[in-house]
C-alpha atoms as a PDB file:
ATOM      1  CA  MET A   1    -107.072 109.656  55.371  1.00  0.00           C
ATOM      2  CA  LYS A   2    -107.952 110.515  58.938  1.00  0.00           C
ATOM      3  CA  ARG A   3    -105.972 107.602  60.141  1.00  0.00           C
ATOM      4  CA  TYR A   4    -102.663 108.705  57.698  1.00  0.00           C
ATOM      5  CA  PHE A   5    -102.768 112.088  58.586  1.00  0.00           C
ATOM      6  CA  PHE A   6    -102.363 111.021  62.008  1.00  0.00           C
ATOM      7  CA  VAL A   7     -99.513 108.568  61.729  1.00  0.00           C
ATOM      8  CA  ILE A   8     -97.763 111.425  59.657  1.00  0.00           C
ATOM      9  CA  LEU A   9     -98.870 113.743  62.667  1.00  0.00           C
ATOM     10  CA  ILE A  10     -97.147 111.253  65.109  1.00  0.00           C
ATOM     11  CA  THR A  11     -94.297 110.302  63.171  1.00  0.00           C
ATOM     12  CA  ALA A  12     -93.208 114.206  62.769  1.00  0.00           C
ATOM     13  CA  LEU A  13     -93.620 114.820  66.880  1.00  0.00           C
ATOM     14  CA  PHE A  14     -91.759 111.465  67.292  1.00  0.00           C
ATOM     15  CA  THR A  15     -88.747 112.923  64.947  1.00  0.00           C
ATOM     16  CA  ASN A  16     -88.952 116.332  67.533  1.00  0.00           C
ATOM     17  CA  CYS A  17     -88.830 114.420  70.318  1.00  0.00           C
ATOM     18  CA  GLN A  18     -85.961 112.656  69.640  1.00  0.00           C
ATOM     19  CA  ALA A  19     -84.340 115.562  68.476  1.00  0.00           C
ATOM     20  CA  GLN A  20     -84.798 117.020  72.038  1.00  0.00           C
ATOM     21  CA  GLN A  21     -82.877 114.905  74.328  1.00  0.00           C
ATOM     22  CA  ALA A  22     -81.920 111.039  73.846  1.00  0.00           C
ATOM     23  CA  ASN A  23     -82.712 110.019  77.129  1.00  0.00           C
ATOM     24  CA  ASP A  24     -86.311 111.566  78.148  1.00  0.00           C
ATOM     25  CA  VAL A  25     -88.917 109.488  80.365  1.00  0.00           C
ATOM     26  CA  TYR A  26     -92.670 110.331  78.863  1.00  0.00           C
ATOM     27  CA  TYR A  27     -95.802 110.304  80.702  1.00  0.00           C
ATOM     28  CA  LYS A  28     -99.227 109.870  79.648  1.00  0.00           C
ATOM     29  CA  VAL A  29    -101.549 112.326  81.716  1.00  0.00           C
ATOM     30  CA  ILE A  30    -105.321 112.184  81.375  1.00  0.00           C
ATOM     31  CA  THR A  31    -107.562 114.663  83.444  1.00  0.00           C
ATOM     32  CA  MET A  32    -111.461 113.595  83.271  1.00  0.00           C
ATOM     33  CA  ARG A  33    -114.784 115.652  84.726  1.00  0.00           C
ATOM     34  CA  ALA A  34    -117.248 112.506  85.759  1.00  0.00           C
ATOM     35  CA  THR A  35    -120.639 113.358  84.470  1.00  0.00           C
ATOM     36  CA  PRO A  36    -123.062 114.603  87.283  1.00  0.00           C
ATOM     37  CA  GLY A  37    -124.050 111.584  89.549  1.00  0.00           C
ATOM     38  CA  LYS A  38    -121.292 109.538  87.777  1.00  0.00           C
ATOM     39  CA  LEU A  39    -118.306 110.164  89.861  1.00  0.00           C
ATOM     40  CA  LEU A  40    -118.292 106.897  92.012  1.00  0.00           C
ATOM     41  CA  ASP A  41    -118.959 104.966  88.822  1.00  0.00           C
ATOM     42  CA  LEU A  42    -116.042 106.007  86.882  1.00  0.00           C
ATOM     43  CA  ILE A  43    -113.965 105.682  90.342  1.00  0.00           C
ATOM     44  CA  ASP A  44    -115.002 102.287  90.325  1.00  0.00           C
ATOM     45  CA  VAL A  45    -114.374 101.634  86.711  1.00  0.00           C
ATOM     46  CA  ILE A  46    -111.012 102.814  86.745  1.00  0.00           C
ATOM     47  CA  LYS A  47    -109.798 101.241  89.781  1.00  0.00           C
ATOM     48  CA  ALA A  48    -110.961  97.978  88.350  1.00  0.00           C
ATOM     49  CA  ASP A  49    -108.682  98.875  85.376  1.00  0.00           C
ATOM     50  CA  LEU A  50    -105.738  99.636  87.182  1.00  0.00           C
ATOM     51  CA  LYS A  51    -105.898  96.039  88.506  1.00  0.00           C
ATOM     52  CA  ASN A  52    -104.943  94.983  85.279  1.00  0.00           C
ATOM     53  CA  TYR A  53    -102.478  97.790  83.878  1.00  0.00           C
ATOM     54  CA  GLU A  54    -100.131  94.747  82.602  1.00  0.00           C
ATOM     55  CA  ARG A  55    -102.846  93.203  80.169  1.00  0.00           C
ATOM     56  CA  ALA A  56    -103.499  96.740  78.728  1.00  0.00           C
ATOM     57  CA  GLY A  57     -99.948  97.006  77.739  1.00  0.00           C
ATOM     58  CA  ILE A  58     -99.252 100.010  80.068  1.00  0.00           C
ATOM     59  CA  GLU A  59     -96.428 100.941  82.891  1.00  0.00           C
ATOM     60  CA  LYS A  60     -97.981 101.018  86.605  1.00  0.00           C
ATOM     61  CA  PRO A  61    -100.605 104.137  86.390  1.00  0.00           C
ATOM     62  CA  TYR A  62    -101.681 106.336  89.186  1.00  0.00           C
ATOM     63  CA  LEU A  63    -104.750 107.804  89.879  1.00  0.00           C
ATOM     64  CA  MET A  64    -105.717 110.959  91.972  1.00  0.00           C
ATOM     65  CA  ARG A  65    -109.142 112.504  92.931  1.00  0.00           C
ATOM     66  CA  HIS A  66    -109.041 116.194  93.081  1.00  0.00           C
ATOM     67  CA  SER A  67    -110.198 117.488  96.655  1.00  0.00           C
ATOM     68  CA  GLN A  68    -110.550 121.513  95.896  1.00  0.00           C
ATOM     69  CA  GLY A  69    -109.161 123.784  93.417  1.00  0.00           C
ATOM     70  CA  ASP A  70    -108.964 122.661  89.355  1.00  0.00           C
ATOM     71  CA  HIS A  71    -112.018 121.994  87.582  1.00  0.00           C
ATOM     72  CA  TRP A  72    -111.084 118.412  86.901  1.00  0.00           C
ATOM     73  CA  ASP A  73    -112.274 115.343  88.904  1.00  0.00           C
ATOM     74  CA  LEU A  74    -109.339 112.928  88.420  1.00  0.00           C
ATOM     75  CA  LEU A  75    -106.470 113.019  86.953  1.00  0.00           C
ATOM     76  CA  LEU A  76    -104.647 109.397  85.379  1.00  0.00           C
ATOM     77  CA  MET A  77    -100.812 109.381  84.884  1.00  0.00           C
ATOM     78  CA  TYR A  78     -98.551 106.519  83.810  1.00  0.00           C
ATOM     79  CA  PRO A  79     -95.211 105.844  81.914  1.00  0.00           C
ATOM     80  CA  ILE A  80     -94.506 105.114  78.219  1.00  0.00           C
ATOM     81  CA  GLN A  81     -90.926 103.780  77.612  1.00  0.00           C
ATOM     82  CA  ASP A  82     -90.952 104.018  73.671  1.00  0.00           C
ATOM     83  CA  LEU A  83     -93.398 106.367  72.370  1.00  0.00           C
ATOM     84  CA  SER A  84     -93.661 104.968  68.947  1.00  0.00           C
ATOM     85  CA  LYS A  85     -94.968 101.591  70.431  1.00  0.00           C
ATOM     86  CA  HIS A  86     -97.579 103.274  72.250  1.00  0.00           C
ATOM     87  CA  PHE A  87     -99.413 105.020  69.170  1.00  0.00           C
ATOM     88  CA  SER A  88     -98.661 101.964  66.840  1.00  0.00           C
ATOM     89  CA  THR A  89    -102.149 100.421  65.849  1.00  0.00           C
ATOM     90  CA  THR A  90    -101.341  96.963  67.406  1.00  0.00           C
ATOM     91  CA  GLU A  91    -100.960  98.851  71.015  1.00  0.00           C
ATOM     92  CA  MET A  92    -103.824 101.050  70.671  1.00  0.00           C
ATOM     93  CA  GLU A  93    -106.141  98.325  69.827  1.00  0.00           C
ATOM     94  CA  LYS A  94    -104.632  96.213  72.834  1.00  0.00           C
ATOM     95  CA  ARG A  95    -105.376  98.835  75.341  1.00  0.00           C
ATOM     96  CA  ARG A  96    -108.622  99.577  73.825  1.00  0.00           C
ATOM     97  CA  ASP A  97    -109.794  95.784  74.177  1.00  0.00           C
ATOM     98  CA  ASN A  98    -108.083  95.073  77.305  1.00  0.00           C
ATOM     99  CA  SER A  99    -109.228  98.092  79.058  1.00  0.00           C
ATOM    100  CA  ALA A 100    -113.081  99.833  79.977  1.00  0.00           C
ATOM    101  CA  THR A 101    -111.619 103.467  79.756  1.00  0.00           C
ATOM    102  CA  LEU A 102    -107.739 104.114  77.629  1.00  0.00           C
ATOM    103  CA  ASP A 103    -107.904 104.628  74.092  1.00  0.00           C
ATOM    104  CA  GLN A 104    -112.101 104.258  74.056  1.00  0.00           C
ATOM    105  CA  GLY A 105    -113.247 105.084  70.613  1.00  0.00           C
ATOM    106  CA  TYR A 106    -116.080 107.457  70.227  1.00  0.00           C
ATOM    107  CA  GLY A 107    -119.836 106.507  71.556  1.00  0.00           C
ATOM    108  CA  ARG A 108    -118.192 103.698  73.797  1.00  0.00           C
ATOM    109  CA  PRO A 109    -120.116 103.139  77.158  1.00  0.00           C
ATOM    110  CA  TYR A 110    -117.080 105.141  78.722  1.00  0.00           C
ATOM    111  CA  TYR A 111    -118.397 108.627  77.775  1.00  0.00           C
ATOM    112  CA  ASN A 112    -121.832 108.095  79.548  1.00  0.00           C
ATOM    113  CA  MET A 113    -119.166 108.726  82.252  1.00  0.00           C
ATOM    114  CA  VAL A 114    -117.227 111.104  81.495  1.00  0.00           C
ATOM    115  CA  SER A 115    -118.337 114.536  80.197  1.00  0.00           C
ATOM    116  CA  TRP A 116    -114.790 116.598  79.373  1.00  0.00           C
ATOM    117  CA  GLN A 117    -111.695 114.901  79.401  1.00  0.00           C
ATOM    118  CA  GLU A 118    -107.934 115.900  78.184  1.00  0.00           C
ATOM    119  CA  GLU A 119    -105.155 114.218  77.103  1.00  0.00           C
ATOM    120  CA  SER A 120    -101.447 115.312  76.769  1.00  0.00           C
ATOM    121  CA  ILE A 121     -97.770 113.539  76.690  1.00  0.00           C
ATOM    122  CA  VAL A 122     -95.390 114.760  78.565  1.00  0.00           C
ATOM    123  CA  GLU A 123     -91.404 114.890  79.426  1.00  0.00           C
ATOM    124  CA  GLY A 124     -90.819 113.891  83.008  1.00  0.00           C
ATOM    125  CA  PRO A 125     -88.461 112.544  85.537  1.00  0.00           C
ATOM    126  CA  SER A 126     -86.838 109.494  86.062  1.00  0.00           C
ATOM    127  CA  LEU A 127     -89.433 106.448  86.484  1.00  0.00           C
ATOM    128  CA  LYS A 128     -87.373 105.255  89.764  1.00  0.00           C
ATOM    129  CA  GLU A 129     -88.338 108.773  91.048  1.00  0.00           C
ATOM    130  CA  PHE A 130     -92.054 108.619  89.926  1.00  0.00           C
ATOM    131  CA  ASN A 131     -92.631 105.759  91.118  1.00  0.00           C
ATOM    132  CA  ALA A 132     -90.838 106.124  94.410  1.00  0.00           C
ATOM    133  CA  ARG A 133     -92.914 109.438  95.146  1.00  0.00           C
ATOM    134  CA  PHE A 134     -96.373 107.968  94.129  1.00  0.00           C
ATOM    135  CA  SER A 135     -95.509 104.695  95.910  1.00  0.00           C
ATOM    136  CA  GLU A 136     -94.903 106.652  99.433  1.00  0.00           C
ATOM    137  CA  PHE A 137     -97.169 109.837  99.528  1.00  0.00           C
ATOM    138  CA  ASP A 138    -100.994 109.935  98.905  1.00  0.00           C
ATOM    139  CA  TYR A 139    -101.890 113.706  98.917  1.00  0.00           C
ATOM    140  CA  TYR A 140    -100.248 115.921  96.160  1.00  0.00           C
ATOM    141  CA  HIS A 141    -100.184 119.534  95.184  1.00  0.00           C
ATOM    142  CA  VAL A 142    -100.986 119.900  91.193  1.00  0.00           C
ATOM    143  CA  GLU A 143     -99.974 123.084  89.907  1.00  0.00           C
ATOM    144  CA  MET A 144    -100.601 123.486  86.083  1.00  0.00           C
ATOM    145  CA  PHE A 145     -99.257 126.162  84.017  1.00  0.00           C
ATOM    146  CA  GLN A 146     -99.684 127.836  80.680  1.00  0.00           C
ATOM    147  CA  ALA A 147     -96.790 130.232  79.524  1.00  0.00           C
ATOM    148  CA  LEU A 148     -97.226 133.337  78.051  1.00  0.00           C
ATOM    149  CA  ALA A 149     -95.789 133.891  74.198  1.00  0.00           C
ATOM    150  CA  GLY A 150     -91.923 133.378  74.142  1.00  0.00           C
ATOM    151  CA  LYS A 151     -91.825 132.694  78.087  1.00  0.00           C
ATOM    152  CA  GLN A 152     -91.767 128.655  78.252  1.00  0.00           C
ATOM    153  CA  GLU A 153     -88.008 128.416  78.750  1.00  0.00           C
ATOM    154  CA  GLU A 154     -88.069 131.080  81.693  1.00  0.00           C
ATOM    155  CA  LEU A 155     -91.202 129.374  83.264  1.00  0.00           C
ATOM    156  CA  LEU A 156     -89.190 126.269  83.384  1.00  0.00           C
ATOM    157  CA  ARG A 157     -86.400 127.727  84.985  1.00  0.00           C
ATOM    158  CA  GLN A 158     -88.844 129.583  87.650  1.00  0.00           C
ATOM    159  CA  ARG A 159     -89.906 126.159  88.631  1.00  0.00           C
ATOM    160  CA  GLU A 160     -86.512 124.850  88.737  1.00  0.00           C
ATOM    161  CA  MET A 161     -85.457 128.082  90.779  1.00  0.00           C
ATOM    162  CA  GLU A 162     -88.253 127.014  93.061  1.00  0.00           C
ATOM    163  CA  ASN A 163     -87.075 123.552  93.721  1.00  0.00           C
ATOM    164  CA  VAL A 164     -83.880 124.890  94.734  1.00  0.00           C
ATOM    165  CA  TYR A 165     -85.992 126.910  97.261  1.00  0.00           C
ATOM    166  CA  LEU A 166     -87.959 124.120  98.584  1.00  0.00           C
ATOM    167  CA  THR A 167     -83.976 122.056  99.222  1.00  0.00           C
ATOM    168  CA  GLU A 168     -83.163 125.454 100.997  1.00  0.00           C
ATOM    169  CA  ILE A 169     -85.901 125.068 103.638  1.00  0.00           C
ATOM    170  CA  GLY A 170     -85.985 121.343 104.035  1.00  0.00           C
ATOM    171  CA  ARG A 171     -88.756 120.684 101.761  1.00  0.00           C
ATOM    172  CA  ASP A 172     -88.880 117.881  98.830  1.00  0.00           C
ATOM    173  CA  THR A 173     -88.654 119.294  95.592  1.00  0.00           C
ATOM    174  CA  ASN A 174     -91.582 119.329  93.375  1.00  0.00           C
ATOM    175  CA  LEU A 175     -91.555 116.948  89.964  1.00  0.00           C
ATOM    176  CA  ILE A 176     -91.964 118.865  86.981  1.00  0.00           C
ATOM    177  CA  PHE A 177     -93.465 118.337  83.421  1.00  0.00           C
ATOM    178  CA  THR A 178     -93.148 119.589  80.469  1.00  0.00           C
ATOM    179  CA  LYS A 179     -95.939 119.055  77.445  1.00  0.00           C
ATOM    180  CA  ILE A 180     -94.288 117.509  74.456  1.00  0.00           C
ATOM    181  CA  PHE A 181     -97.850 117.498  72.851  1.00  0.00           C
ATOM    182  CA  GLY A 182    -101.550 117.677  73.735  1.00  0.00           C
ATOM    183  CA  GLY A 183    -103.538 119.986  75.934  1.00  0.00           C
ATOM    184  CA  GLU A 184    -103.186 124.008  77.143  1.00  0.00           C
ATOM    185  CA  VAL A 185    -100.972 123.061  80.074  1.00  0.00           C
ATOM    186  CA  ASP A 186     -97.429 124.273  78.888  1.00  0.00           C
ATOM    187  CA  ILE A 187     -95.465 122.937  82.586  1.00  0.00           C
ATOM    188  CA  PHE A 188     -97.094 120.906  85.350  1.00  0.00           C
ATOM    189  CA  THR A 189     -95.331 120.265  88.506  1.00  0.00           C
ATOM    190  CA  LEU A 190     -96.520 117.895  91.618  1.00  0.00           C
ATOM    191  CA  GLY A 191     -95.873 118.092  95.368  1.00  0.00           C
ATOM    192  CA  PHE A 192     -96.072 115.113  97.139  1.00  0.00           C
ATOM    193  CA  TYR A 193     -97.338 114.989 100.899  1.00  0.00           C
ATOM    194  CA  ARG A 194     -98.455 112.640 103.408  1.00  0.00           C
ATOM    195  CA  ASP A 195    -101.611 114.636 104.152  1.00  0.00           C
ATOM    196  CA  ILE A 196    -102.528 117.879 103.738  1.00  0.00           C
ATOM    197  CA  LYS A 197    -101.217 118.826 107.808  1.00  0.00           C
ATOM    198  CA  HIS A 198     -97.622 117.697 106.099  1.00  0.00           C
ATOM    199  CA  PHE A 199     -98.737 120.452 103.074  1.00  0.00           C
ATOM    200  CA  ALA A 200     -98.985 123.103 105.616  1.00  0.00           C
ATOM    201  CA  GLU A 201     -95.989 122.693 107.692  1.00  0.00           C
ATOM    202  CA  SER A 202     -93.927 125.362 105.302  1.00  0.00           C
ATOM    203  CA  ALA A 203     -96.144 127.990 107.040  1.00  0.00           C
ATOM    204  CA  ASP A 204     -93.773 127.330 110.638  1.00  0.00           C
ATOM    205  CA  ILE A 205     -90.685 128.148 108.428  1.00  0.00           C
ATOM    206  CA  PRO A 206     -89.182 131.146 109.709  1.00  0.00           C
ATOM    207  CA  ILE A 207     -89.623 134.177 106.951  1.00  0.00           C
ATOM    208  CA  GLU A 208     -85.585 135.166 107.524  1.00  0.00           C
ATOM    209  CA  LYS A 209     -84.372 131.560 106.724  1.00  0.00           C
ATOM    210  CA  GLU A 210     -87.326 131.330 103.574  1.00  0.00           C
ATOM    211  CA  ASN A 211     -85.840 134.925 102.077  1.00  0.00           C
ATOM    212  CA  VAL A 212     -81.858 133.992 102.453  1.00  0.00           C
ATOM    213  CA  ALA A 213     -83.121 130.543 100.686  1.00  0.00           C
ATOM    214  CA  ALA A 214     -85.168 132.249  97.774  1.00  0.00           C
ATOM    215  CA  LYS A 215     -82.361 134.758  97.267  1.00  0.00           C
ATOM    216  CA  LYS A 216     -80.031 131.884  97.335  1.00  0.00           C
ATOM    217  CA  ALA A 217     -82.444 130.417  94.566  1.00  0.00           C
ATOM    218  CA  GLY A 218     -82.138 133.468  92.519  1.00  0.00           C
ATOM    219  CA  PHE A 219     -85.104 135.191  93.255  1.00  0.00           C
ATOM    220  CA  GLU A 220     -85.218 138.876  94.453  1.00  0.00           C
ATOM    221  CA  SER A 221     -86.632 137.891  97.907  1.00  0.00           C
ATOM    222  CA  VAL A 222     -89.400 135.758  99.117  1.00  0.00           C
ATOM    223  CA  PHE A 223     -92.144 137.660  98.658  1.00  0.00           C
ATOM    224  CA  THR A 224     -91.190 137.797  95.179  1.00  0.00           C
ATOM    225  CA  ILE A 225     -91.713 134.466  94.079  1.00  0.00           C
ATOM    226  CA  GLY A 226     -95.302 134.786  93.645  1.00  0.00           C
ATOM    227  CA  SER A 227     -95.077 137.876  91.390  1.00  0.00           C
ATOM    228  CA  TYR A 228     -92.434 136.860  89.294  1.00  0.00           C
ATOM    229  CA  LEU A 229     -94.130 133.395  88.336  1.00  0.00           C
ATOM    230  CA  ARG A 230     -97.167 135.390  88.055  1.00  0.00           C
ATOM    231  CA  SER A 231     -95.340 137.495  85.261  1.00  0.00           C
ATOM    232  CA  LEU A 232     -94.863 134.524  83.055  1.00  0.00           C
ATOM    233  CA  LEU A 233     -98.363 132.979  82.846  1.00  0.00           C
ATOM    234  CA  LEU A 234    -101.551 133.186  80.973  1.00  0.00           C
ATOM    235  CA  GLU A 235    -102.894 130.565  82.707  1.00  0.00           C
ATOM    236  CA  HIS A 236    -102.573 129.009  86.461  1.00  0.00           C
ATOM    237  CA  HIS A 237    -104.580 126.215  87.829  1.00  0.00           C
ATOM    238  CA  ASP A 238    -103.465 124.886  91.326  1.00  0.00           C
ATOM    239  CA  THR A 239    -104.946 121.853  92.703  1.00  0.00           C
ATOM    240  CA  LEU A 240    -105.155 119.523  95.795  1.00  0.00           C
ATOM    241  CA  ALA A 241    -105.856 116.090  95.356  1.00  0.00           C
ATOM    242  CA  GLY A 242    -105.761 112.387  97.171  1.00  0.00           C
ATOM    243  CA  ALA A 243    -104.362 109.431  95.607  1.00  0.00           C
ATOM    244  CA  LEU A 244    -106.821 106.443  94.847  1.00  0.00           C
ATOM    245  CA  ARG A 245    -105.295 103.115  95.111  1.00  0.00           C
ATOM    246  CA  ASN A 246    -106.285 100.105  93.345  1.00  0.00           C
ATOM    247  CA  ASP A 247    -107.016  98.159  96.851  1.00  0.00           C
END
C-alpha cells in the first residue's frame, strides 16, 4: 500500500511538473549532517560513490562541504534528465545496489554516518551552465530561502533582480533553483567563486556604482536590497562552502 501511494504521488507531481514547462532541467539536492565524529568517514564514502556515478545511473554529481553558516555539513547535487525514469523501481534499485549512499533503505549502514538528511527535487539552469560553473569554481555562496505565504513568485523575481544588479556591477550572476517537491526551502541560489578573496571583492566596488546598478535592477537603492528581500521571507539560511572533488 505504501509503495502504491508513493507511485500515485509521484505520478501527480510529474503531471504538474510537465504542465509547468516542457524544457525544464531538474536536479536532486541532498543535504546531510554527519553523525558526530563520522564526517570524514561520510566524505570518503560519498567521494568513492562519485567515481562510480555512471554505474549508479546518474548524471555527474557535485559535492560541497559547509565551511560556515548553515547547519548541514555536506550538500550533494546532480542533474535529472527524466523524472519519471529517475523514480522508476528499476532505477531506484540500480542506485541503491551500485551506491553506498544513494536511495539507501531504512536501517542501511549509511545511516550510521548520517544524523540528519533532507532531499529535494528542484528546477534549475541549463545542464551546460551547471556543469561549467561547478567545473571552474571551487568556492560557493549558498543562500536558501523559505518564502512567506503568497510571496514565492515575488521572491523569485527578487532573486532575478539581484542577478541584474550583479551583472551591472561586473559580478557573475547566481544560479537560481526553485523547489518542485521535497524539503522546506522554496528557492536557493548558488554563487560561484575561486576562493573567499574572490567572494569578498565586491567590497571594493564604489557605493555610487552599486546604487546605480540597484536602481537599474528595479530596487529603490542599494541600501534597500536586503530589507526588501527580508520582507518576503519566513526563513533564510546563508552558507559558504568549498568543493570536494573525487580525485
